[in-house]
């Protein structure tokens, strides 16, 4: 298939595909006529990249998954490098969740104080 068809099937733009190609994530094959050519495996690569990006992975974090698919594995997350990215991302998310919980607790305390309520201890629900 040509670049326009691949972009349409992947739900992206030709500009994005050319960018992925420049970053080495998408192969740069050309037909005899000079047009870029793609196949179903390229669509699978794109779907993997887009899914990971939808989950908050940056483009470079998708590389191990793409390389895993290119190596012939049925899924992009069946290689050790992909699993390492999952682990690292989970650690980042856990850190962000902890930070957000701390901010939430502070805002809850500020709200309670602003409403004239005595501050509550988070552990036992007792007044401080």
C-alpha atoms as a PDB file:
ATOM      1  CA  UNK A   1       0.000   0.000   0.000  1.00  0.00           C
ATOM      2  CA  UNK A   2       1.071   3.607  -0.438  1.00  0.00           C
ATOM      3  CA  UNK A   3       1.583   6.174   2.280  1.00  0.00           C
ATOM      4  CA  UNK A   4      -1.893   7.732   2.021  1.00  0.00           C
ATOM      5  CA  UNK A   5      -3.639   4.402   2.428  1.00  0.00           C
ATOM      6  CA  UNK A   6      -1.431   3.434   5.370  1.00  0.00           C
ATOM      7  CA  UNK A   7      -2.081   6.780   7.053  1.00  0.00           C
ATOM      8  CA  UNK A   8      -5.835   6.399   6.588  1.00  0.00           C
ATOM      9  CA  UNK A   9      -5.874   2.826   7.896  1.00  0.00           C
ATOM     10  CA  UNK A  10      -3.716   3.770  10.888  1.00  0.00           C
ATOM     11  CA  UNK A  11      -5.741   6.881  11.672  1.00  0.00           C
ATOM     12  CA  UNK A  12      -2.795   9.241  11.308  1.00  0.00           C
ATOM     13  CA  UNK A  13      -1.279  11.592   8.755  1.00  0.00           C
ATOM     14  CA  UNK A  14       1.280  11.097   6.033  1.00  0.00           C
ATOM     15  CA  UNK A  15       3.397  13.739   7.754  1.00  0.00           C
ATOM     16  CA  UNK A  16       3.469  11.619  10.913  1.00  0.00           C
ATOM     17  CA  UNK A  17       4.476   8.562   8.898  1.00  0.00           C
ATOM     18  CA  UNK A  18       7.340  10.445   7.287  1.00  0.00           C
ATOM     19  CA  UNK A  19       8.426  11.611  10.756  1.00  0.00           C
ATOM     20  CA  UNK A  20       8.383   8.026  12.080  1.00  0.00           C
ATOM     21  CA  UNK A  21      10.402   7.023   9.035  1.00  0.00           C
ATOM     22  CA  UNK A  22      12.976   9.749   9.755  1.00  0.00           C
ATOM     23  CA  UNK A  23      13.238   8.456  13.347  1.00  0.00           C
ATOM     24  CA  UNK A  24      13.828   4.899  12.140  1.00  0.00           C
ATOM     25  CA  UNK A  25      10.564   3.522  13.510  1.00  0.00           C
ATOM     26  CA  UNK A  26       8.972   2.877  10.152  1.00  0.00           C
ATOM     27  CA  UNK A  27      10.846   1.283   7.245  1.00  0.00           C
ATOM     28  CA  UNK A  28      11.681   3.435   4.249  1.00  0.00           C
ATOM     29  CA  UNK A  29      10.950   1.093   1.350  1.00  0.00           C
ATOM     30  CA  UNK A  30      10.355   2.432  -2.123  1.00  0.00           C
ATOM     31  CA  UNK A  31       8.784   0.788  -5.115  1.00  0.00           C
ATOM     32  CA  UNK A  32      10.177   0.904  -8.660  1.00  0.00           C
ATOM     33  CA  UNK A  33       8.140   4.041  -9.247  1.00  0.00           C
ATOM     34  CA  UNK A  34       9.839   5.811  -6.285  1.00  0.00           C
ATOM     35  CA  UNK A  35       6.743   5.813  -4.081  1.00  0.00           C
ATOM     36  CA  UNK A  36       6.924   4.624  -0.496  1.00  0.00           C
ATOM     37  CA  UNK A  37       5.435   1.165  -0.091  1.00  0.00           C
ATOM     38  CA  UNK A  38       4.067  -0.459   3.039  1.00  0.00           C
ATOM     39  CA  UNK A  39       2.465  -3.723   4.059  1.00  0.00           C
ATOM     40  CA  UNK A  40       0.350  -5.142   6.882  1.00  0.00           C
ATOM     41  CA  UNK A  41       3.374  -5.510   9.173  1.00  0.00           C
ATOM     42  CA  UNK A  42       3.925  -1.751   8.922  1.00  0.00           C
ATOM     43  CA  UNK A  43       0.310  -1.185   9.930  1.00  0.00           C
ATOM     44  CA  UNK A  44       0.899  -3.420  12.960  1.00  0.00           C
ATOM     45  CA  UNK A  45       3.966  -1.322  13.893  1.00  0.00           C
ATOM     46  CA  UNK A  46       1.923   1.854  13.653  1.00  0.00           C
ATOM     47  CA  UNK A  47      -0.880   0.456  15.761  1.00  0.00           C
ATOM     48  CA  UNK A  48       1.640  -0.534  18.427  1.00  0.00           C
ATOM     49  CA  UNK A  49       3.183   2.950  18.426  1.00  0.00           C
ATOM     50  CA  UNK A  50      -0.198   4.687  18.570  1.00  0.00           C
ATOM     51  CA  UNK A  51      -1.489   2.476  21.387  1.00  0.00           C
ATOM     52  CA  UNK A  52       1.596   3.134  23.494  1.00  0.00           C
ATOM     53  CA  UNK A  53       1.435   6.858  22.816  1.00  0.00           C
ATOM     54  CA  UNK A  54      -2.235   6.869  23.836  1.00  0.00           C
ATOM     55  CA  UNK A  55      -1.052   5.381  27.166  1.00  0.00           C
ATOM     56  CA  UNK A  56       1.459   8.212  27.620  1.00  0.00           C
ATOM     57  CA  UNK A  57       4.633   6.617  26.262  1.00  0.00           C
ATOM     58  CA  UNK A  58       6.868   9.008  24.377  1.00  0.00           C
ATOM     59  CA  UNK A  59       7.949   8.098  20.874  1.00  0.00           C
ATOM     60  CA  UNK A  60      11.398   6.851  21.882  1.00  0.00           C
ATOM     61  CA  UNK A  61       9.841   4.553  24.494  1.00  0.00           C
ATOM     62  CA  UNK A  62       7.997   2.768  21.681  1.00  0.00           C
ATOM     63  CA  UNK A  63      11.242   1.760  19.949  1.00  0.00           C
ATOM     64  CA  UNK A  64      11.797  -1.553  21.839  1.00  0.00           C
ATOM     65  CA  UNK A  65       8.248  -2.629  20.996  1.00  0.00           C
ATOM     66  CA  UNK A  66       8.755  -1.801  17.313  1.00  0.00           C
ATOM     67  CA  UNK A  67      12.081  -3.637  17.259  1.00  0.00           C
ATOM     68  CA  UNK A  68      10.448  -6.643  18.905  1.00  0.00           C
ATOM     69  CA  UNK A  69       7.796  -6.774  16.175  1.00  0.00           C
ATOM     70  CA  UNK A  70      10.429  -6.334  13.470  1.00  0.00           C
ATOM     71  CA  UNK A  71      12.358  -9.269  14.936  1.00  0.00           C
ATOM     72  CA  UNK A  72       9.354 -11.438  14.116  1.00  0.00           C
ATOM     73  CA  UNK A  73       7.683 -11.690  17.509  1.00  0.00           C
ATOM     74  CA  UNK A  74       3.885 -11.833  17.364  1.00  0.00           C
ATOM     75  CA  UNK A  75       3.533  -9.033  19.943  1.00  0.00           C
ATOM     76  CA  UNK A  76       5.676  -5.991  20.591  1.00  0.00           C
ATOM     77  CA  UNK A  77       5.790  -6.616  24.312  1.00  0.00           C
ATOM     78  CA  UNK A  78       7.174 -10.141  24.187  1.00  0.00           C
ATOM     79  CA  UNK A  79      10.840  -9.056  24.347  1.00  0.00           C
ATOM     80  CA  UNK A  80      12.921  -8.252  27.445  1.00  0.00           C
ATOM     81  CA  UNK A  81      13.587  -4.646  26.328  1.00  0.00           C
ATOM     82  CA  UNK A  82       9.847  -3.996  26.000  1.00  0.00           C
ATOM     83  CA  UNK A  83       9.183  -5.430  29.427  1.00  0.00           C
ATOM     84  CA  UNK A  84      11.873  -3.152  30.857  1.00  0.00           C
ATOM     85  CA  UNK A  85      10.061  -0.145  29.363  1.00  0.00           C
ATOM     86  CA  UNK A  86       6.787  -1.329  30.947  1.00  0.00           C
ATOM     87  CA  UNK A  87       8.521  -1.638  34.335  1.00  0.00           C
ATOM     88  CA  UNK A  88      10.100   1.804  34.027  1.00  0.00           C
ATOM     89  CA  UNK A  89       6.770   3.370  33.010  1.00  0.00           C
ATOM     90  CA  UNK A  90       4.974   1.736  35.940  1.00  0.00           C
ATOM     91  CA  UNK A  91       7.600   3.191  38.281  1.00  0.00           C
ATOM     92  CA  UNK A  92       7.061   6.643  36.792  1.00  0.00           C
ATOM     93  CA  UNK A  93       3.303   6.296  37.151  1.00  0.00           C
ATOM     94  CA  UNK A  94       3.610   5.143  40.772  1.00  0.00           C
ATOM     95  CA  UNK A  95       5.729   8.213  41.509  1.00  0.00           C
ATOM     96  CA  UNK A  96       3.200  10.522  39.873  1.00  0.00           C
ATOM     97  CA  UNK A  97       0.336   8.882  41.747  1.00  0.00           C
ATOM     98  CA  UNK A  98       2.186   9.439  45.032  1.00  0.00           C
ATOM     99  CA  UNK A  99       2.791  13.092  44.185  1.00  0.00           C
ATOM    100  CA  UNK A 100      -0.853  13.588  43.223  1.00  0.00           C
ATOM    101  CA  UNK A 101      -2.057  11.943  46.435  1.00  0.00           C
ATOM    102  CA  UNK A 102       0.138  14.311  48.476  1.00  0.00           C
ATOM    103  CA  UNK A 103      -1.186  17.345  46.586  1.00  0.00           C
ATOM    104  CA  UNK A 104      -4.750  16.109  47.031  1.00  0.00           C
ATOM    105  CA  UNK A 105      -4.251  15.730  50.773  1.00  0.00           C
ATOM    106  CA  UNK A 106      -2.877  19.280  51.025  1.00  0.00           C
ATOM    107  CA  UNK A 107      -5.759  20.727  49.004  1.00  0.00           C
ATOM    108  CA  UNK A 108      -8.253  18.770  51.109  1.00  0.00           C
ATOM    109  CA  UNK A 109      -6.698  20.226  54.241  1.00  0.00           C
ATOM    110  CA  UNK A 110      -6.794  23.748  52.794  1.00  0.00           C
ATOM    111  CA  UNK A 111     -10.431  23.296  51.818  1.00  0.00           C
ATOM    112  CA  UNK A 112     -11.365  22.029  55.252  1.00  0.00           C
ATOM    113  CA  UNK A 113      -9.593  24.962  56.897  1.00  0.00           C
ATOM    114  CA  UNK A 114     -11.211  27.441  54.500  1.00  0.00           C
ATOM    115  CA  UNK A 115     -14.636  26.018  55.305  1.00  0.00           C
ATOM    116  CA  UNK A 116     -13.915  26.386  59.003  1.00  0.00           C
ATOM    117  CA  UNK A 117     -13.772  22.687  59.737  1.00  0.00           C
ATOM    118  CA  UNK A 118     -11.144  21.361  62.105  1.00  0.00           C
ATOM    119  CA  UNK A 119      -8.422  19.470  60.201  1.00  0.00           C
ATOM    120  CA  UNK A 120      -8.817  15.702  60.324  1.00  0.00           C
ATOM    121  CA  UNK A 121      -6.077  13.148  60.730  1.00  0.00           C
ATOM    122  CA  UNK A 122      -6.014  11.078  57.575  1.00  0.00           C
ATOM    123  CA  UNK A 123      -5.269   7.843  59.393  1.00  0.00           C
ATOM    124  CA  UNK A 124      -8.031   7.745  61.970  1.00  0.00           C
ATOM    125  CA  UNK A 125     -10.450  10.443  60.952  1.00  0.00           C
ATOM    126  CA  UNK A 126      -9.774  12.222  64.266  1.00  0.00           C
ATOM    127  CA  UNK A 127      -9.453  15.964  64.699  1.00  0.00           C
ATOM    128  CA  UNK A 128      -5.899  17.244  64.947  1.00  0.00           C
END
